[in-house]
Protein backbone atom coordinates (compact mmCIF):
# COMPACT_ATOMS: atom_id res chain seq x y z
CA MET A 1 -5.29 13.06 0.48
CA GLU A 2 -3.24 12.17 3.59
CA ASP A 3 -0.64 9.14 3.39
CA ARG A 4 -2.64 7.15 6.18
CA GLU A 5 -5.89 7.18 3.97
CA LEU A 6 -4.02 6.44 1.53
CA VAL A 7 -3.11 2.57 3.56
CA MET A 8 -6.54 2.79 4.80
CA PHE A 9 -7.76 2.51 1.46
CA TRP A 10 -5.17 -0.25 0.64
CA LEU A 11 -5.73 -2.43 3.51
CA ALA A 12 -9.45 -2.14 3.12
CA GLY A 13 -9.03 -3.79 -0.49
CA ASP A 14 -9.45 -0.95 -2.58
CA HIS A 15 -6.13 -0.96 -3.81
CA LYS A 16 -6.87 0.43 -7.51
CA LEU A 17 -8.12 3.46 -5.69
CA ALA A 18 -5.36 3.64 -3.52
CA ILE A 19 -2.88 3.64 -6.50
CA ARG A 20 -4.71 6.12 -8.22
CA LYS A 21 -4.58 8.24 -5.72
CA GLY A 22 -0.97 8.20 -5.19
CA LEU A 23 0.29 5.48 -2.78
CA THR A 24 3.62 4.71 -3.42
CA SER A 25 5.68 1.22 -1.89
CA ALA A 26 7.40 4.14 0.16
CA ILE A 27 4.31 5.25 1.63
CA LEU A 28 3.01 2.01 2.44
CA ALA A 29 5.92 0.62 4.26
CA SER A 30 6.75 4.12 6.04
CA GLN A 31 3.01 4.10 6.97
CA LEU A 32 2.94 0.18 8.66
CA ARG A 33 5.95 0.13 9.92
CA LYS A 34 4.22 3.33 11.91
CA LYS A 35 1.16 1.13 12.85
CA GLY A 36 3.79 -1.55 14.03
CA TYR A 37 3.68 -4.04 11.82
CA LYS A 38 6.56 -6.52 11.41
CA ASP A 39 8.64 -6.71 8.62
CA LYS A 40 7.79 -10.08 6.80
CA LEU A 41 4.13 -8.73 6.73
CA ILE A 42 4.99 -5.18 5.27
CA GLU A 43 7.48 -7.29 2.85
CA ASP A 44 4.46 -9.55 1.78
CA PHE A 45 2.27 -6.31 1.83
CA LEU A 46 4.90 -4.87 -0.68
CA ASP A 47 4.77 -8.10 -2.99
CA ASP A 48 1.31 -7.34 -3.16
CA PHE A 49 1.51 -3.90 -4.00
CA ALA A 50 3.86 -4.76 -6.81
CA ARG A 51 1.52 -7.23 -8.14
CA ASP A 52 -1.82 -4.45 -8.15
CA LEU A 53 0.55 -1.65 -9.79
CA LYS A 54 1.75 -3.96 -12.56
CA ASN A 55 -2.15 -5.39 -12.73
CA ASP A 56 -3.24 -1.39 -12.62
CA GLN A 57 -0.90 -0.67 -15.42
CA LYS A 58 -2.54 -2.97 -17.83
């Protein structure tokens, strides 16, 4: 699955699927920057990603 597809799943709210398919914080940040997202919003998304990743591991 392409990086942009993983990010689209994550942005659409299917965080577990995106993480299981290989989404990483680096991919998320890179793709969001390409889409023109501002640094503060990317930081917020990365915080959410870290929380999702931690919850997925439980």
